[in-house]
Amino acid sequence: MDASDRDLQQYLFDLHGYLVIRHVLKPAEVAELNRLIDAQQLPSPREKIRFGSAAGKHGPDHGFLNWGEPFCRLLDHEAIMPMLRLRLGDCFRLDRLYGIRLDTPSERGRVTAELVKEVRARLDQAGFTHVKIVVSGGLNPERIAYFKEAGARVDSYAVGSYISGATPIDFTGDIKEIDGQPIAKRGRIPGLTDSPRLRRVDLAPWRDGAAG
């Protein structure tokens, strides 16, 4: 895929929200996929069903990845992989679940430390020690401290309304240095300004995935 193709695919995806890749499957592959679909004895088209989703009222076999190896091969088809890399980068994984999100509204009691501990224990017992837990729903510093003090192993906190609904703080951001060279607009003193209120944050561990 050259640069012009990438730009076109990026534009079409942003425009429609999906991509149509033509002439990907050979006639024999299409015939095999159709044979496997016919073998499922699917319900009427008028009956809604979420293929590929978790087991529901139709049972666990209606996820198309359970229909046979040909459907599994579609996930990393050579014609699809360049599109996935374009959209997701080179570090995506197709062979495992990255994490789960726990989000319970306040009227249902919110997410509790006990729930996190139970989910973590059940995941570990099932061999999914790599699966991370993300907690969301009405989070603020006090709620995050609650999980930490309770020893609940939360990997990530998804904070929304506490940030979006916060009282605005007026400030100005000025360029004072570029590549080590002091520089500033008229009316500002060039060069970095030391402040005891600022604390340097080392982002390297987060970029390397080593942060706990």
N, C-alpha and C. Protein backbone atom coordinates (compact mmCIF):
# COMPACT_ATOMS: atom_id res chain seq x y z
N MET A 1 0.85 -1.19 0.00
CA MET A 1 0.00 0.00 0.00
C MET A 1 0.89 1.24 0.00
N ASP A 2 0.79 2.07 -1.05
CA ASP A 2 1.61 3.27 -1.11
C ASP A 2 0.91 4.42 -0.37
N ALA A 3 1.61 5.58 -0.36
CA ALA A 3 1.10 6.72 0.42
C ALA A 3 -0.25 7.20 -0.09
N SER A 4 -0.45 7.19 -1.41
CA SER A 4 -1.73 7.67 -1.96
C SER A 4 -2.87 6.74 -1.57
N ASP A 5 -2.60 5.41 -1.57
CA ASP A 5 -3.63 4.46 -1.15
C ASP A 5 -3.98 4.64 0.32
N ARG A 6 -2.95 4.86 1.15
CA ARG A 6 -3.20 5.07 2.58
C ARG A 6 -4.04 6.31 2.82
N ASP A 7 -3.72 7.37 2.10
CA ASP A 7 -4.49 8.60 2.27
C ASP A 7 -5.94 8.41 1.84
N LEU A 8 -6.14 7.67 0.74
CA LEU A 8 -7.50 7.43 0.27
C LEU A 8 -8.28 6.57 1.25
N GLN A 9 -7.66 5.49 1.75
CA GLN A 9 -8.33 4.63 2.71
C GLN A 9 -8.65 5.37 4.00
N GLN A 10 -7.72 6.23 4.44
CA GLN A 10 -7.96 7.03 5.64
C GLN A 10 -9.15 7.95 5.43
N TYR A 11 -9.23 8.58 4.26
CA TYR A 11 -10.33 9.49 3.96
C TYR A 11 -11.67 8.74 3.92
N LEU A 12 -11.70 7.59 3.25
CA LEU A 12 -12.94 6.84 3.13
C LEU A 12 -13.42 6.33 4.49
N PHE A 13 -12.48 5.88 5.33
CA PHE A 13 -12.88 5.41 6.64
C PHE A 13 -13.44 6.55 7.48
N ASP A 14 -12.76 7.70 7.45
CA ASP A 14 -13.23 8.85 8.22
C ASP A 14 -14.59 9.34 7.70
N LEU A 15 -14.83 9.18 6.40
CA LEU A 15 -16.07 9.64 5.79
C LEU A 15 -17.25 8.72 6.10
N HIS A 16 -17.03 7.39 5.98
CA HIS A 16 -18.13 6.44 6.10
C HIS A 16 -18.13 5.66 7.42
N GLY A 17 -16.96 5.56 8.06
CA GLY A 17 -16.87 4.76 9.27
C GLY A 17 -16.57 3.30 9.00
N TYR A 18 -16.35 2.94 7.75
CA TYR A 18 -15.99 1.56 7.38
C TYR A 18 -15.27 1.60 6.04
N LEU A 19 -14.65 0.47 5.69
CA LEU A 19 -13.97 0.34 4.41
C LEU A 19 -14.53 -0.86 3.66
N VAL A 20 -14.63 -0.74 2.33
CA VAL A 20 -15.01 -1.84 1.47
C VAL A 20 -13.77 -2.24 0.67
N ILE A 21 -13.28 -3.45 0.89
CA ILE A 21 -12.10 -3.95 0.20
C ILE A 21 -12.57 -4.98 -0.81
N ARG A 22 -12.41 -4.70 -2.07
CA ARG A 22 -12.94 -5.56 -3.12
C ARG A 22 -11.93 -6.62 -3.55
N HIS A 23 -12.48 -7.71 -4.09
CA HIS A 23 -11.68 -8.79 -4.70
C HIS A 23 -10.68 -9.37 -3.70
N VAL A 24 -11.13 -9.58 -2.47
CA VAL A 24 -10.26 -10.13 -1.43
C VAL A 24 -10.30 -11.65 -1.43
N LEU A 25 -11.50 -12.22 -1.50
CA LEU A 25 -11.68 -13.67 -1.39
C LEU A 25 -11.79 -14.32 -2.76
N LYS A 26 -11.22 -15.50 -2.87
CA LYS A 26 -11.35 -16.29 -4.09
C LYS A 26 -12.70 -17.00 -4.09
N PRO A 27 -13.18 -17.41 -5.27
CA PRO A 27 -14.50 -18.08 -5.33
C PRO A 27 -14.58 -19.30 -4.42
N ALA A 28 -13.50 -20.06 -4.31
CA ALA A 28 -13.53 -21.25 -3.45
C ALA A 28 -13.68 -20.86 -1.99
N GLU A 29 -13.05 -19.74 -1.58
CA GLU A 29 -13.16 -19.28 -0.19
C GLU A 29 -14.58 -18.82 0.10
N VAL A 30 -15.19 -18.11 -0.83
CA VAL A 30 -16.56 -17.65 -0.65
C VAL A 30 -17.50 -18.84 -0.53
N ALA A 31 -17.29 -19.86 -1.36
CA ALA A 31 -18.14 -21.05 -1.32
C ALA A 31 -18.03 -21.76 0.02
N GLU A 32 -16.82 -21.86 0.57
CA GLU A 32 -16.63 -22.52 1.85
C GLU A 32 -17.28 -21.72 2.97
N LEU A 33 -17.17 -20.41 2.95
CA LEU A 33 -17.81 -19.57 3.97
C LEU A 33 -19.33 -19.69 3.90
N ASN A 34 -19.87 -19.70 2.69
CA ASN A 34 -21.32 -19.85 2.53
C ASN A 34 -21.79 -21.21 3.05
N ARG A 35 -20.98 -22.25 2.81
CA ARG A 35 -21.34 -23.59 3.30
C ARG A 35 -21.41 -23.60 4.83
N LEU A 36 -20.44 -22.95 5.47
CA LEU A 36 -20.42 -22.90 6.93
C LEU A 36 -21.58 -22.07 7.47
N ILE A 37 -21.93 -21.00 6.77
CA ILE A 37 -23.07 -20.17 7.20
C ILE A 37 -24.37 -20.98 7.10
N ASP A 38 -24.55 -21.69 5.99
CA ASP A 38 -25.77 -22.49 5.81
C ASP A 38 -25.90 -23.56 6.89
N ALA A 39 -24.75 -24.06 7.37
CA ALA A 39 -24.78 -25.12 8.37
C ALA A 39 -25.22 -24.62 9.74
N GLN A 40 -25.28 -23.30 9.92
CA GLN A 40 -25.64 -22.75 11.23
C GLN A 40 -27.14 -22.74 11.49
N GLN A 41 -27.94 -22.88 10.41
CA GLN A 41 -29.40 -22.82 10.55
C GLN A 41 -29.80 -21.57 11.33
N LEU A 42 -29.41 -20.45 10.81
CA LEU A 42 -29.62 -19.17 11.48
C LEU A 42 -31.10 -18.81 11.54
N PRO A 43 -31.47 -17.96 12.51
CA PRO A 43 -32.87 -17.54 12.61
C PRO A 43 -33.27 -16.64 11.45
N SER A 44 -34.53 -16.32 11.38
CA SER A 44 -35.06 -15.49 10.33
C SER A 44 -34.36 -14.14 10.30
N PRO A 45 -34.18 -13.53 9.11
CA PRO A 45 -33.57 -12.20 9.03
C PRO A 45 -34.33 -11.15 9.84
N ARG A 46 -35.60 -11.40 10.11
CA ARG A 46 -36.37 -10.44 10.90
C ARG A 46 -35.97 -10.46 12.37
N GLU A 47 -35.29 -11.52 12.79
CA GLU A 47 -34.88 -11.65 14.18
C GLU A 47 -33.46 -11.13 14.34
N LYS A 48 -33.29 -10.14 15.18
CA LYS A 48 -31.98 -9.52 15.36
C LYS A 48 -31.05 -10.44 16.13
N ILE A 49 -29.80 -10.48 15.70
CA ILE A 49 -28.79 -11.29 16.39
C ILE A 49 -27.44 -10.62 16.19
N ARG A 50 -26.66 -10.55 17.23
CA ARG A 50 -25.36 -9.88 17.17
C ARG A 50 -24.28 -10.93 16.94
N PHE A 51 -23.88 -11.12 15.70
CA PHE A 51 -22.86 -12.10 15.40
C PHE A 51 -21.53 -11.66 16.00
N GLY A 52 -20.82 -12.62 16.55
CA GLY A 52 -19.51 -12.33 17.11
C GLY A 52 -19.57 -11.81 18.52
N SER A 53 -20.76 -11.61 19.08
CA SER A 53 -20.89 -11.09 20.43
C SER A 53 -20.88 -12.23 21.43
N ALA A 54 -20.97 -11.89 22.69
CA ALA A 54 -21.00 -12.91 23.72
C ALA A 54 -22.27 -13.74 23.60
N ALA A 55 -22.24 -14.89 24.22
CA ALA A 55 -23.40 -15.78 24.14
C ALA A 55 -24.63 -15.10 24.72
N GLY A 56 -25.74 -15.22 24.05
CA GLY A 56 -26.99 -14.62 24.52
C GLY A 56 -28.12 -15.62 24.42
N LYS A 57 -29.29 -15.14 24.04
CA LYS A 57 -30.45 -16.03 24.03
C LYS A 57 -30.35 -17.09 22.93
N HIS A 58 -29.45 -16.85 21.94
CA HIS A 58 -29.31 -17.84 20.88
C HIS A 58 -28.23 -18.87 21.19
N GLY A 59 -27.60 -18.78 22.35
CA GLY A 59 -26.57 -19.74 22.69
C GLY A 59 -25.20 -19.26 22.25
N PRO A 60 -24.14 -19.99 22.64
CA PRO A 60 -22.77 -19.53 22.39
C PRO A 60 -22.29 -19.73 20.97
N ASP A 61 -23.00 -20.50 20.13
CA ASP A 61 -22.48 -20.86 18.82
C ASP A 61 -22.80 -19.86 17.74
N HIS A 62 -23.43 -18.76 18.07
CA HIS A 62 -23.78 -17.79 17.05
C HIS A 62 -22.72 -16.70 16.91
N GLY A 63 -21.59 -16.83 17.59
CA GLY A 63 -20.45 -15.98 17.29
C GLY A 63 -19.74 -16.56 16.08
N PHE A 64 -19.55 -15.77 15.03
CA PHE A 64 -19.07 -16.34 13.77
C PHE A 64 -17.67 -16.93 13.88
N LEU A 65 -16.90 -16.56 14.92
CA LEU A 65 -15.58 -17.16 15.09
C LEU A 65 -15.68 -18.62 15.51
N ASN A 66 -16.87 -19.06 15.94
CA ASN A 66 -17.08 -20.45 16.29
C ASN A 66 -17.56 -21.28 15.10
N TRP A 67 -17.70 -20.66 13.94
CA TRP A 67 -18.26 -21.36 12.80
C TRP A 67 -17.23 -22.15 12.00
N GLY A 68 -15.96 -21.97 12.31
CA GLY A 68 -14.94 -22.71 11.57
C GLY A 68 -13.70 -21.88 11.32
N GLU A 69 -12.61 -22.57 11.04
CA GLU A 69 -11.33 -21.92 10.83
C GLU A 69 -11.35 -20.88 9.71
N PRO A 70 -12.08 -21.09 8.60
CA PRO A 70 -12.11 -20.05 7.55
C PRO A 70 -12.56 -18.69 8.06
N PHE A 71 -13.50 -18.66 9.02
CA PHE A 71 -13.93 -17.37 9.56
C PHE A 71 -12.84 -16.76 10.44
N CYS A 72 -12.11 -17.59 11.17
CA CYS A 72 -11.01 -17.09 12.01
C CYS A 72 -9.91 -16.48 11.14
N ARG A 73 -9.68 -17.09 9.97
CA ARG A 73 -8.62 -16.58 9.10
C ARG A 73 -8.96 -15.21 8.53
N LEU A 74 -10.24 -14.85 8.52
CA LEU A 74 -10.62 -13.53 8.01
C LEU A 74 -10.06 -12.41 8.88
N LEU A 75 -9.83 -12.69 10.17
CA LEU A 75 -9.37 -11.64 11.09
C LEU A 75 -8.00 -11.10 10.70
N ASP A 76 -7.11 -11.99 10.25
CA ASP A 76 -5.77 -11.52 9.89
C ASP A 76 -5.47 -11.80 8.43
N HIS A 77 -6.50 -11.67 7.60
CA HIS A 77 -6.32 -11.85 6.15
C HIS A 77 -5.29 -10.84 5.64
N GLU A 78 -4.48 -11.29 4.69
CA GLU A 78 -3.40 -10.45 4.18
C GLU A 78 -3.90 -9.14 3.57
N ALA A 79 -5.14 -9.11 3.11
CA ALA A 79 -5.70 -7.88 2.55
C ALA A 79 -6.22 -6.94 3.63
N ILE A 80 -6.47 -7.48 4.82
CA ILE A 80 -7.02 -6.68 5.90
C ILE A 80 -5.94 -6.11 6.81
N MET A 81 -4.85 -6.85 6.99
CA MET A 81 -3.81 -6.44 7.92
C MET A 81 -3.27 -5.03 7.65
N PRO A 82 -3.01 -4.64 6.38
CA PRO A 82 -2.54 -3.26 6.16
C PRO A 82 -3.53 -2.21 6.65
N MET A 83 -4.84 -2.52 6.55
CA MET A 83 -5.85 -1.58 7.02
C MET A 83 -5.83 -1.48 8.55
N LEU A 84 -5.64 -2.63 9.21
CA LEU A 84 -5.58 -2.62 10.67
C LEU A 84 -4.37 -1.84 11.15
N ARG A 85 -3.23 -2.04 10.47
CA ARG A 85 -2.03 -1.29 10.86
C ARG A 85 -2.21 0.20 10.62
N LEU A 86 -2.93 0.54 9.55
CA LEU A 86 -3.19 1.95 9.25
C LEU A 86 -4.03 2.59 10.34
N ARG A 87 -5.06 1.86 10.82
CA ARG A 87 -5.97 2.41 11.80
C ARG A 87 -5.47 2.28 13.24
N LEU A 88 -4.75 1.17 13.55
CA LEU A 88 -4.41 0.86 14.94
C LEU A 88 -2.92 0.95 15.23
N GLY A 89 -2.08 1.05 14.20
CA GLY A 89 -0.64 1.02 14.44
C GLY A 89 -0.13 -0.42 14.42
N ASP A 90 1.14 -0.59 14.76
CA ASP A 90 1.77 -1.91 14.65
C ASP A 90 1.66 -2.75 15.92
N CYS A 91 1.08 -2.21 16.99
CA CYS A 91 1.12 -2.91 18.27
C CYS A 91 -0.21 -3.53 18.67
N PHE A 92 -1.14 -3.67 17.74
CA PHE A 92 -2.43 -4.25 18.10
C PHE A 92 -2.30 -5.77 18.22
N ARG A 93 -3.20 -6.36 18.97
CA ARG A 93 -3.23 -7.81 19.17
C ARG A 93 -4.60 -8.35 18.79
N LEU A 94 -4.62 -9.45 18.04
CA LEU A 94 -5.86 -10.10 17.67
C LEU A 94 -6.08 -11.41 18.41
N ASP A 95 -5.07 -11.85 19.15
CA ASP A 95 -5.14 -13.18 19.73
C ASP A 95 -5.52 -13.20 21.20
N ARG A 96 -5.86 -12.04 21.77
CA ARG A 96 -6.24 -12.07 23.17
C ARG A 96 -7.05 -10.84 23.55
N LEU A 97 -7.79 -10.97 24.63
CA LEU A 97 -8.56 -9.87 25.19
C LEU A 97 -7.64 -8.96 25.99
N TYR A 98 -7.66 -7.66 25.69
CA TYR A 98 -6.77 -6.74 26.40
C TYR A 98 -7.28 -6.44 27.79
N GLY A 99 -8.56 -6.12 27.91
CA GLY A 99 -9.08 -5.74 29.22
C GLY A 99 -10.60 -5.67 29.23
N ILE A 100 -11.14 -5.46 30.41
CA ILE A 100 -12.58 -5.30 30.58
C ILE A 100 -12.85 -4.01 31.35
N ARG A 101 -14.04 -3.46 31.13
CA ARG A 101 -14.41 -2.20 31.78
C ARG A 101 -15.57 -2.45 32.73
N LEU A 102 -15.43 -1.99 33.95
CA LEU A 102 -16.49 -2.07 34.95
C LEU A 102 -17.09 -0.69 35.11
N ASP A 103 -18.38 -0.57 34.83
CA ASP A 103 -19.06 0.73 34.91
C ASP A 103 -20.47 0.48 35.42
N THR A 104 -20.72 0.84 36.66
CA THR A 104 -22.04 0.67 37.27
C THR A 104 -22.55 2.04 37.70
N PRO A 105 -23.74 2.45 37.30
CA PRO A 105 -24.27 3.78 37.67
C PRO A 105 -24.50 3.89 39.16
N SER A 106 -24.58 5.13 39.64
CA SER A 106 -24.73 5.38 41.07
C SER A 106 -26.02 4.77 41.63
N GLU A 107 -27.09 4.75 40.80
CA GLU A 107 -28.35 4.19 41.29
C GLU A 107 -28.29 2.67 41.45
N ARG A 108 -27.26 2.06 40.89
CA ARG A 108 -27.05 0.61 41.06
C ARG A 108 -25.94 0.31 42.05
N GLY A 109 -25.50 1.31 42.78
CA GLY A 109 -24.48 1.08 43.80
C GLY A 109 -23.06 1.35 43.39
N ARG A 110 -22.84 1.70 42.13
CA ARG A 110 -21.51 1.99 41.59
C ARG A 110 -20.59 0.77 41.68
N VAL A 111 -19.44 0.90 41.07
CA VAL A 111 -18.44 -0.16 41.13
C VAL A 111 -17.82 -0.16 42.52
N THR A 112 -17.69 -1.33 43.12
CA THR A 112 -17.11 -1.44 44.45
C THR A 112 -15.77 -2.14 44.40
N ALA A 113 -14.98 -1.94 45.44
CA ALA A 113 -13.69 -2.62 45.54
C ALA A 113 -13.88 -4.13 45.59
N GLU A 114 -14.96 -4.58 46.24
CA GLU A 114 -15.24 -6.00 46.32
C GLU A 114 -15.52 -6.59 44.94
N LEU A 115 -16.24 -5.83 44.11
CA LEU A 115 -16.51 -6.30 42.76
C LEU A 115 -15.22 -6.44 41.96
N VAL A 116 -14.35 -5.44 42.07
CA VAL A 116 -13.07 -5.49 41.36
C VAL A 116 -12.27 -6.71 41.80
N LYS A 117 -12.22 -6.95 43.11
CA LYS A 117 -11.47 -8.09 43.63
C LYS A 117 -12.04 -9.41 43.12
N GLU A 118 -13.38 -9.51 43.09
CA GLU A 118 -14.00 -10.75 42.61
C GLU A 118 -13.71 -10.98 41.14
N VAL A 119 -13.85 -9.92 40.33
CA VAL A 119 -13.59 -10.05 38.89
C VAL A 119 -12.12 -10.42 38.65
N ARG A 120 -11.22 -9.78 39.39
CA ARG A 120 -9.79 -10.10 39.24
C ARG A 120 -9.51 -11.55 39.60
N ALA A 121 -10.12 -12.02 40.67
CA ALA A 121 -9.90 -13.41 41.11
C ALA A 121 -10.44 -14.39 40.09
N ARG A 122 -11.63 -14.11 39.54
CA ARG A 122 -12.23 -15.03 38.58
C ARG A 122 -11.44 -15.04 37.27
N LEU A 123 -10.94 -13.88 36.86
CA LEU A 123 -10.11 -13.83 35.66
C LEU A 123 -8.83 -14.64 35.85
N ASP A 124 -8.19 -14.44 37.00
CA ASP A 124 -6.94 -15.17 37.28
C ASP A 124 -7.17 -16.66 37.35
N GLN A 125 -8.26 -17.08 37.98
CA GLN A 125 -8.56 -18.50 38.10
C GLN A 125 -8.82 -19.14 36.74
N ALA A 126 -9.34 -18.35 35.81
CA ALA A 126 -9.62 -18.86 34.46
C ALA A 126 -8.41 -18.77 33.55
N GLY A 127 -7.27 -18.28 34.08
CA GLY A 127 -6.06 -18.19 33.29
C GLY A 127 -5.89 -16.88 32.54
N PHE A 128 -6.76 -15.89 32.80
CA PHE A 128 -6.68 -14.61 32.11
C PHE A 128 -5.96 -13.57 32.98
N THR A 129 -4.77 -13.93 33.41
CA THR A 129 -4.02 -13.02 34.27
C THR A 129 -3.57 -11.77 33.54
N HIS A 130 -3.51 -11.83 32.21
CA HIS A 130 -3.06 -10.68 31.42
C HIS A 130 -4.16 -9.65 31.20
N VAL A 131 -5.41 -10.02 31.43
CA VAL A 131 -6.54 -9.11 31.16
C VAL A 131 -6.58 -8.01 32.21
N LYS A 132 -6.63 -6.79 31.75
CA LYS A 132 -6.62 -5.63 32.65
C LYS A 132 -8.05 -5.23 33.02
N ILE A 133 -8.17 -4.50 34.13
CA ILE A 133 -9.47 -4.03 34.61
C ILE A 133 -9.49 -2.51 34.58
N VAL A 134 -10.48 -1.96 33.89
CA VAL A 134 -10.69 -0.52 33.81
C VAL A 134 -11.97 -0.19 34.55
N VAL A 135 -11.92 0.79 35.43
CA VAL A 135 -13.09 1.20 36.21
C VAL A 135 -13.50 2.60 35.77
N SER A 136 -14.80 2.82 35.60
CA SER A 136 -15.32 4.14 35.24
C SER A 136 -16.65 4.35 35.95
N GLY A 137 -17.17 5.56 35.82
CA GLY A 137 -18.47 5.88 36.41
C GLY A 137 -18.36 6.74 37.65
N GLY A 138 -18.48 8.07 37.48
CA GLY A 138 -18.48 8.98 38.62
C GLY A 138 -17.20 9.00 39.42
N LEU A 139 -16.07 8.82 38.75
CA LEU A 139 -14.79 8.78 39.47
C LEU A 139 -14.28 10.18 39.80
N ASN A 140 -13.68 10.29 40.99
CA ASN A 140 -13.02 11.51 41.43
C ASN A 140 -11.85 11.09 42.31
N PRO A 141 -11.03 12.01 42.79
CA PRO A 141 -9.87 11.60 43.61
C PRO A 141 -10.24 10.76 44.82
N GLU A 142 -11.36 11.06 45.46
CA GLU A 142 -11.77 10.29 46.63
C GLU A 142 -12.11 8.85 46.26
N ARG A 143 -12.81 8.68 45.14
CA ARG A 143 -13.18 7.33 44.71
C ARG A 143 -11.93 6.52 44.32
N ILE A 144 -11.00 7.15 43.66
CA ILE A 144 -9.76 6.46 43.28
C ILE A 144 -8.98 6.06 44.53
N ALA A 145 -8.92 6.96 45.51
CA ALA A 145 -8.24 6.64 46.77
C ALA A 145 -8.93 5.47 47.47
N TYR A 146 -10.26 5.41 47.36
CA TYR A 146 -11.01 4.30 47.98
C TYR A 146 -10.57 2.96 47.42
N PHE A 147 -10.44 2.86 46.09
CA PHE A 147 -10.00 1.60 45.48
C PHE A 147 -8.58 1.25 45.90
N LYS A 148 -7.70 2.24 45.93
CA LYS A 148 -6.32 1.98 46.29
C LYS A 148 -6.20 1.53 47.74
N GLU A 149 -6.90 2.22 48.63
CA GLU A 149 -6.82 1.87 50.05
C GLU A 149 -7.42 0.49 50.32
N ALA A 150 -8.39 0.08 49.49
CA ALA A 150 -9.01 -1.23 49.67
C ALA A 150 -8.21 -2.35 49.03
N GLY A 151 -7.13 -1.98 48.32
CA GLY A 151 -6.30 -3.00 47.69
C GLY A 151 -6.91 -3.62 46.45
N ALA A 152 -7.84 -2.90 45.81
CA ALA A 152 -8.46 -3.39 44.58
C ALA A 152 -7.50 -3.14 43.41
N ARG A 153 -7.24 -4.18 42.64
CA ARG A 153 -6.24 -4.09 41.57
C ARG A 153 -6.88 -3.52 40.30
N VAL A 154 -6.99 -2.21 40.27
CA VAL A 154 -7.51 -1.50 39.10
C VAL A 154 -6.32 -1.07 38.25
N ASP A 155 -6.36 -1.42 36.97
CA ASP A 155 -5.25 -1.07 36.07
C ASP A 155 -5.39 0.32 35.49
N SER A 156 -6.63 0.79 35.33
CA SER A 156 -6.83 2.10 34.72
C SER A 156 -8.15 2.69 35.21
N TYR A 157 -8.14 3.99 35.48
CA TYR A 157 -9.34 4.70 35.89
C TYR A 157 -9.78 5.62 34.75
N ALA A 158 -11.00 5.46 34.27
CA ALA A 158 -11.54 6.29 33.19
C ALA A 158 -12.33 7.43 33.81
N VAL A 159 -11.69 8.58 33.95
CA VAL A 159 -12.31 9.74 34.59
C VAL A 159 -12.90 10.64 33.51
N GLY A 160 -14.17 10.98 33.64
CA GLY A 160 -14.82 11.80 32.62
C GLY A 160 -15.40 13.09 33.17
N SER A 161 -16.58 13.00 33.82
CA SER A 161 -17.32 14.20 34.22
C SER A 161 -16.56 15.02 35.26
N TYR A 162 -15.71 14.38 36.07
CA TYR A 162 -14.97 15.14 37.07
C TYR A 162 -14.03 16.14 36.38
N ILE A 163 -13.54 15.76 35.20
CA ILE A 163 -12.65 16.66 34.45
C ILE A 163 -13.46 17.61 33.59
N SER A 164 -14.42 17.06 32.83
CA SER A 164 -15.19 17.91 31.91
C SER A 164 -16.06 18.92 32.64
N GLY A 165 -16.49 18.58 33.87
CA GLY A 165 -17.36 19.49 34.61
C GLY A 165 -16.63 20.32 35.64
N ALA A 166 -15.30 20.28 35.62
CA ALA A 166 -14.53 21.03 36.61
C ALA A 166 -14.59 22.53 36.34
N THR A 167 -14.41 23.31 37.40
CA THR A 167 -14.37 24.77 37.26
C THR A 167 -13.16 25.18 36.45
N PRO A 168 -13.34 25.97 35.40
CA PRO A 168 -12.18 26.35 34.56
C PRO A 168 -11.16 27.14 35.37
N ILE A 169 -9.90 26.94 35.04
CA ILE A 169 -8.78 27.67 35.65
C ILE A 169 -8.11 28.50 34.56
N ASP A 170 -8.16 29.81 34.72
CA ASP A 170 -7.53 30.68 33.72
C ASP A 170 -6.01 30.55 33.78
N PHE A 171 -5.40 30.44 32.62
CA PHE A 171 -3.94 30.39 32.57
C PHE A 171 -3.50 30.77 31.17
N THR A 172 -2.24 31.08 31.03
CA THR A 172 -1.65 31.35 29.72
C THR A 172 -0.51 30.37 29.49
N GLY A 173 -0.36 29.95 28.26
CA GLY A 173 0.74 29.06 27.91
C GLY A 173 1.60 29.72 26.86
N ASP A 174 2.82 30.02 27.21
CA ASP A 174 3.73 30.72 26.30
C ASP A 174 4.92 29.84 25.95
N ILE A 175 5.36 29.93 24.71
CA ILE A 175 6.60 29.27 24.30
C ILE A 175 7.77 30.11 24.82
N LYS A 176 8.62 29.49 25.63
CA LYS A 176 9.75 30.21 26.22
C LYS A 176 11.09 29.66 25.76
N GLU A 177 11.07 28.46 25.14
CA GLU A 177 12.32 27.84 24.71
C GLU A 177 12.02 26.81 23.63
N ILE A 178 12.86 26.77 22.59
CA ILE A 178 12.74 25.81 21.51
C ILE A 178 14.10 25.18 21.26
N ASP A 179 14.16 23.86 21.41
CA ASP A 179 15.42 23.13 21.21
C ASP A 179 16.56 23.73 22.02
N GLY A 180 16.27 24.11 23.26
CA GLY A 180 17.29 24.65 24.14
C GLY A 180 17.62 26.11 23.91
N GLN A 181 16.99 26.73 22.93
CA GLN A 181 17.25 28.13 22.61
C GLN A 181 16.16 29.01 23.22
N PRO A 182 16.53 29.92 24.15
CA PRO A 182 15.52 30.81 24.75
C PRO A 182 14.84 31.66 23.67
N ILE A 183 13.52 31.71 23.72
CA ILE A 183 12.77 32.48 22.75
C ILE A 183 11.41 32.81 23.34
N ALA A 184 10.86 33.95 23.00
CA ALA A 184 9.54 34.33 23.52
C ALA A 184 8.96 35.45 22.67
N LYS A 185 7.65 35.62 22.75
CA LYS A 185 7.01 36.71 22.04
C LYS A 185 7.29 38.03 22.78
N ARG A 186 6.98 39.12 22.12
CA ARG A 186 7.21 40.42 22.72
C ARG A 186 6.36 40.56 23.99
N GLY A 187 7.00 41.02 25.04
CA GLY A 187 6.31 41.18 26.31
C GLY A 187 6.56 40.04 27.27
N ARG A 188 7.28 38.99 26.83
CA ARG A 188 7.62 37.86 27.68
C ARG A 188 9.14 37.73 27.77
N ILE A 189 9.63 37.24 28.89
CA ILE A 189 11.07 37.03 29.07
C ILE A 189 11.45 35.66 28.53
N PRO A 190 12.38 35.58 27.57
CA PRO A 190 12.77 34.28 27.02
C PRO A 190 13.41 33.39 28.08
N GLY A 191 13.33 32.08 27.86
CA GLY A 191 13.97 31.14 28.75
C GLY A 191 12.97 30.53 29.73
N LEU A 192 13.33 29.35 30.25
CA LEU A 192 12.46 28.66 31.19
C LEU A 192 12.33 29.42 32.50
N THR A 193 11.16 29.35 33.09
CA THR A 193 10.90 29.97 34.38
C THR A 193 10.71 28.88 35.43
N ASP A 194 11.58 28.83 36.41
CA ASP A 194 11.47 27.83 37.47
C ASP A 194 10.27 28.15 38.36
N SER A 195 9.56 27.12 38.78
CA SER A 195 8.43 27.30 39.68
C SER A 195 8.39 26.14 40.66
N PRO A 196 8.35 26.43 41.96
CA PRO A 196 8.26 25.34 42.95
C PRO A 196 6.92 24.62 42.90
N ARG A 197 5.94 25.18 42.20
CA ARG A 197 4.62 24.55 42.12
C ARG A 197 4.56 23.47 41.05
N LEU A 198 5.58 23.42 40.19
CA LEU A 198 5.58 22.46 39.11
C LEU A 198 6.40 21.23 39.49
N ARG A 199 5.95 20.08 39.07
CA ARG A 199 6.65 18.83 39.34
C ARG A 199 6.82 18.08 38.02
N ARG A 200 8.05 17.70 37.71
CA ARG A 200 8.33 17.00 36.46
C ARG A 200 7.76 15.58 36.53
N VAL A 201 7.09 15.18 35.47
CA VAL A 201 6.50 13.85 35.40
C VAL A 201 7.28 13.03 34.38
N ASP A 202 7.77 11.87 34.81
CA ASP A 202 8.52 10.98 33.93
C ASP A 202 7.53 10.06 33.22
N LEU A 203 7.36 10.24 31.93
CA LEU A 203 6.40 9.46 31.16
C LEU A 203 7.01 8.21 30.55
N ALA A 204 8.31 8.02 30.68
CA ALA A 204 8.98 6.87 30.07
C ALA A 204 8.39 5.53 30.51
N PRO A 205 8.14 5.33 31.81
CA PRO A 205 7.56 4.04 32.22
C PRO A 205 6.21 3.77 31.59
N TRP A 206 5.41 4.81 31.39
CA TRP A 206 4.09 4.62 30.78
C TRP A 206 4.23 4.29 29.31
N ARG A 207 5.19 4.94 28.62
CA ARG A 207 5.40 4.63 27.21
C ARG A 207 5.92 3.21 27.03
N ASP A 208 6.73 2.75 27.98
CA ASP A 208 7.31 1.41 27.89
C ASP A 208 6.38 0.33 28.40
N GLY A 209 5.23 0.74 28.98
CA GLY A 209 4.28 -0.25 29.50
C GLY A 209 4.71 -0.87 30.80
N ALA A 210 5.65 -0.23 31.52
CA ALA A 210 6.16 -0.81 32.76
C ALA A 210 5.49 -0.25 33.98
N ALA A 211 4.62 0.74 33.81
CA ALA A 211 3.98 1.36 34.98
C ALA A 211 2.96 0.40 35.57
N GLY A 212 2.87 0.35 36.91
CA GLY A 212 1.92 -0.55 37.57
C GLY A 212 0.58 0.10 37.78
